[in-house]
Amino acid sequence: MADHLAPSRRSNGLWVLVLAIGLLQMPIMVQGMVVDPSQSLTGGMETNLRGQSVLIEELTTTWCESCAEIDPYLMGVADSHGSRIAMVAYHPNDGEDAFAPEAAQHRIERLRAVNPDLPGTPTFMVEGGAYRTGTDAWVEVQRDILDEEIQRQSHTKLQLRVQSDGDLITAKLIDFEGRAMNTTQLTFMVLHHNKQVPDDAINPGGDTRDRVVVATAECEIGTGNITTTIGVSSASADAGCTADFSIEFTALESFSVVLVHEHTEASLDSSDDLGTYGAIEFAYRERQSSEAWSPAWLVLGAVAAVGLLVFQKKEDNSQKEEE
């Protein structure tokens, strides 16, 4: 994977992204479960029973310039959408990425099972759909999210309990409501927020990267077996995947746990469906967007809309001149 965007196009795309994010950060009534790190998890916390979050998977690298430019804005996107989305970032084992987590590479190989030719970075996929590549692709991502929400007729409902015990965090499924199909699995992913980039790494951006997938575990519903454990201390499902699937992992200062109900990799040979039946996120981090309403959002929204129209007109004129 490589950063193929020309500097001028990347700059324009970033401008569009910033405007779009500004519009999106208007408060939304439904918020995901975001717990401030100042609160203790020793007593445990439970999410609501839900699972309608749309999964957004990002292919990114620490050395990619355009990836570094947009990374600081994406947590604001997650906050503005609340529980509507769960956004994860996959850093590949490409010999240059500073993180290259094995768990992320495992998820990338899952994508390759359906489409071996992955595009450049940054690339976003909404529910395993079309690749949206580049900073100027965010408008398409927004459209994909809305389309998915409109088309989705039902979803698996999931409930999590997250608790700390010394240096370990336990995340456990405590309720499952949905179709427990034999060709599906439950997948835990652990995301490291504000993960520090090593000093000796190729790094065109800030000191940290966000939403880095560092651990994963999979439980095959048809057999009740745990088929994958990467980056976790342990995983178990004594009463079955849909009853008490749980993981333990080393405590992080700021993290998220995402649980998704999806097809097994073996079943992708016949279905080619990388989407999910349900997804839920528990986030242990600081929020980056205010929930207070202000008339200024109306002004920002109008400016964003005009800006997007002007940008599109310039692009159209530029294409005509080239022709």
Foldseek 3Di string as FASTA:
>chain_A
DAQPDDPVVQVLLLVLLVLVLLLLLAADPAAAAEAELVDAQAVKDKGDWFFQAKEKEWEDAQQHQSCQSCQVSVLSNCGSCGRNHDYAYAYDPPVAGQPHAPASNVVVVLLCLLPVDDDHPGWMDTQSDDTQHGSNSVVVVVVVSVVCVVPDPAFKIWMWMWHDDVQKIKIKTAAIDDDLDQQKKKKKWKFAAFQAGDPPHNHNHDGGGGRYTRWMWIARQNVQRTDDTGQFPDWDDPPGRRHITMTMHGDHSWMKMKMFMGGDSVCCVPVVRSGTRGMGMHTHHDRDGDNDHDCVSVVSNVVSVVSVVVSVVVVVVVVVVVD
